[in-house]
Amino acid sequence: AMRTPSRNEAGQELLMEYYNQLYFLDQRFFSPHGSLGVHFHWYDSLTGVPSVQRALAFEKGSVLFNIGALYTQIGARQDRSTLTGIQNAIDAFQKAA
């Protein structure tokens, strides 16, 4: 479900939940001096070229990037012709940043 989150607050919550789980995995199982041999697969958002990394930091960074991208999409979809829409868009763009 984390691979294709919905483009709304529920999708953002799903990505944050996954990020939090990665944080706890990092704290409990990953040594700073070694790796468990877990491979994380990602595809470049512009070229579609696959990337495989063994670093948990890469996976966490990729999830944070997706959270920012999702907030950008949420902000762009707001109705900016109303004050409430403008405030919602500003809030989403600030979270994206």
Protein backbone atom coordinates (compact mmCIF):
# COMPACT_ATOMS: atom_id res chain seq x y z
CA ALA A 1 0.00 0.00 0.00
CA MET A 2 2.95 2.32 0.62
CA ARG A 3 4.06 2.00 -3.02
CA THR A 4 0.88 3.65 -4.34
CA PRO A 5 -0.51 5.97 -1.65
CA SER A 6 -3.66 7.92 -2.34
CA ARG A 7 -3.10 11.58 -3.23
CA ASN A 8 -4.64 12.98 -0.06
CA GLU A 9 -4.09 13.19 3.70
CA ALA A 10 -4.69 9.44 4.10
CA GLY A 11 -1.83 8.75 1.67
CA GLN A 12 0.40 11.15 3.54
CA GLU A 13 -0.42 9.43 6.83
CA LEU A 14 0.44 6.07 5.26
CA LEU A 15 3.84 7.37 4.13
CA MET A 16 4.53 8.86 7.57
CA GLU A 17 3.58 5.58 9.24
CA TYR A 18 6.02 3.73 6.97
CA TYR A 19 8.75 6.29 7.68
CA ASN A 20 8.21 5.86 11.42
CA GLN A 21 8.52 2.08 11.05
CA LEU A 22 11.80 2.56 9.16
CA TYR A 23 13.04 4.75 12.00
CA PHE A 24 12.29 2.04 14.56
CA LEU A 25 13.91 -0.61 12.35
CA ASP A 26 17.00 1.54 12.11
CA GLN A 27 17.19 1.94 15.88
CA ARG A 28 16.75 -1.75 16.66
CA PHE A 29 18.30 -3.80 13.90
CA PHE A 30 20.80 -1.80 11.87
CA SER A 31 24.31 -1.35 13.15
CA PRO A 32 26.16 1.83 12.16
CA HIS A 33 29.08 -0.37 11.09
CA GLY A 34 27.28 -2.90 8.95
CA SER A 35 24.23 -3.79 6.91
CA LEU A 36 21.70 -6.60 7.14
CA GLY A 37 21.70 -7.06 3.37
CA VAL A 38 18.18 -5.73 2.85
CA HIS A 39 17.72 -4.25 -0.62
CA PHE A 40 15.45 -1.25 -1.24
CA HIS A 41 14.19 -0.70 -4.80
CA TRP A 42 13.19 2.72 -6.12
CA TYR A 43 12.58 4.16 -9.59
CA ASP A 44 13.83 7.60 -10.59
CA SER A 45 10.83 9.93 -10.82
CA LEU A 46 12.09 11.61 -14.02
CA THR A 47 13.72 8.80 -15.99
CA GLY A 48 12.12 5.67 -14.53
CA VAL A 49 15.55 4.09 -14.11
CA PRO A 50 15.52 1.61 -11.22
CA SER A 51 17.86 2.05 -8.28
CA VAL A 52 18.73 -0.54 -5.66
CA GLN A 53 20.38 0.42 -2.41
CA ARG A 54 21.22 -1.45 0.75
CA ALA A 55 21.21 1.65 2.94
CA LEU A 56 18.22 2.29 5.15
CA ALA A 57 19.03 6.01 4.99
CA PHE A 58 18.36 5.90 1.23
CA GLU A 59 14.93 4.36 1.84
CA LYS A 60 14.10 6.93 4.52
CA GLY A 61 15.23 9.79 2.26
CA SER A 62 13.14 8.46 -0.61
CA VAL A 63 10.06 8.28 1.60
CA LEU A 64 10.62 11.86 2.80
CA PHE A 65 10.91 12.98 -0.83
CA ASN A 66 7.59 11.28 -1.61
CA ILE A 67 5.94 12.93 1.39
CA GLY A 68 7.07 16.34 0.11
CA ALA A 69 5.87 15.52 -3.41
CA LEU A 70 2.50 14.40 -2.07
CA TYR A 71 2.06 17.61 -0.07
CA THR A 72 2.92 19.58 -3.23
CA GLN A 73 0.17 17.76 -5.12
CA ILE A 74 -2.30 18.38 -2.30
CA GLY A 75 -1.39 22.11 -2.28
CA ALA A 76 -1.71 22.41 -6.05
CA ARG A 77 -5.21 20.90 -6.01
CA GLN A 78 -6.61 23.44 -3.56
CA ASP A 79 -9.17 25.97 -4.76
CA ARG A 80 -7.09 29.13 -4.48
CA SER A 81 -10.01 31.40 -5.39
CA THR A 82 -11.20 31.27 -1.75
CA LEU A 83 -9.43 32.32 1.42
CA THR A 84 -9.79 28.84 2.92
CA GLY A 85 -8.33 27.27 -0.22
CA ILE A 86 -5.39 29.66 -0.16
CA GLN A 87 -4.72 28.87 3.49
CA ASN A 88 -4.92 25.12 2.80
CA ALA A 89 -2.53 25.49 -0.15
CA ILE A 90 -0.07 27.52 1.92
CA ASP A 91 -0.21 24.91 4.69
CA ALA A 92 0.42 22.05 2.25
CA PHE A 93 3.29 23.85 0.49
CA GLN A 94 4.92 24.69 3.83
CA LYS A 95 4.68 21.02 4.85
CA ALA A 96 6.16 20.03 1.51
CA ALA A 97 9.12 22.32 2.10
